[in-house]
Amino acid sequence: MGFGTKEIEFGVLKIDGKRVLIYRSPNDYFTIDVGEGIKNVNWSGSEINVTLDSGKVRKYKSPNNYTTI
């Protein structure tokens, strides 16, 4: 399961401690529990790049599938 058009079109990501909130609308979101400190998060097409406090970058293709760069 990748990210849907609702999430991509709405486009809002928010850092909440060690989690990323991915919004579908102003009141509807789901979370990715990263488990580490987060420095930055942004969209890259239909994927999400999460920069960790350690300097590593995780590229999420879906909420449960990522590659560490």
Protein backbone atom coordinates (compact mmCIF):
# COMPACT_ATOMS: atom_id res chain seq x y z
CA MET A 1 0.00 0.00 0.00
CA GLY A 2 1.50 3.31 -1.09
CA PHE A 3 0.32 6.78 -0.27
CA GLY A 4 -3.03 7.65 -1.82
CA THR A 5 -4.04 10.60 -3.93
CA LYS A 6 -5.81 12.26 -0.99
CA GLU A 7 -2.57 12.45 1.01
CA ILE A 8 -0.44 13.51 -1.96
CA GLU A 9 -2.89 16.18 -3.16
CA PHE A 10 -3.52 17.60 0.34
CA GLY A 11 0.25 17.52 0.88
CA VAL A 12 0.48 18.32 4.60
CA LEU A 13 3.10 16.53 6.73
CA LYS A 14 3.70 17.38 10.39
CA ILE A 15 6.41 16.26 12.81
CA ASP A 16 5.01 15.12 16.15
CA GLY A 17 7.92 13.98 18.32
CA LYS A 18 9.15 10.72 16.78
CA ARG A 19 6.13 10.41 14.49
CA VAL A 20 5.08 11.92 11.18
CA LEU A 21 1.44 12.90 10.75
CA ILE A 22 0.22 12.58 7.16
CA TYR A 23 -2.94 14.58 6.52
CA ARG A 24 -5.73 13.68 4.06
CA SER A 25 -7.81 16.72 5.08
CA PRO A 26 -7.67 19.29 7.91
CA ASN A 27 -9.13 16.78 10.40
CA ASP A 28 -8.15 13.39 8.96
CA TYR A 29 -4.62 12.01 9.22
CA PHE A 30 -2.64 8.87 9.96
CA THR A 31 0.81 8.43 11.49
CA ILE A 32 4.14 6.83 10.77
CA ASP A 33 6.02 5.93 13.95
CA VAL A 34 9.64 6.62 12.97
CA GLY A 35 11.05 5.74 16.40
CA GLU A 36 13.89 8.29 16.18
CA GLY A 37 14.22 12.05 16.40
CA ILE A 38 13.12 13.82 13.22
CA LYS A 39 14.80 16.91 11.83
CA ASN A 40 12.79 17.42 8.62
CA VAL A 41 10.07 15.78 6.51
CA ASN A 42 8.92 16.53 2.96
CA TRP A 43 7.24 15.07 -0.10
CA SER A 44 9.28 13.83 -3.04
CA GLY A 45 6.67 13.02 -5.65
CA SER A 46 4.58 10.22 -4.15
CA GLU A 47 7.20 9.34 -1.51
CA ILE A 48 8.10 10.97 1.80
CA ASN A 49 11.67 11.85 2.78
CA VAL A 50 12.30 11.92 6.54
CA THR A 51 15.62 13.40 7.70
CA LEU A 52 16.54 12.02 11.11
CA ASP A 53 18.47 13.84 13.83
CA SER A 54 21.33 11.39 13.15
CA GLY A 55 21.64 12.77 9.60
CA LYS A 56 20.27 9.65 7.90
CA VAL A 57 17.39 9.99 5.45
CA ARG A 58 14.53 7.51 5.18
CA LYS A 59 12.55 7.40 1.94
CA TYR A 60 9.05 6.08 2.66
CA LYS A 61 7.18 4.54 -0.29
CA SER A 62 4.32 3.58 2.03
CA PRO A 63 3.71 3.82 5.79
CA ASN A 64 5.49 0.49 6.34
CA ASN A 65 8.08 0.44 3.56
CA TYR A 66 11.17 2.63 3.62
CA THR A 67 14.77 2.69 2.45
CA THR A 68 17.52 4.34 4.50
CA ILE A 69 19.89 6.52 2.49
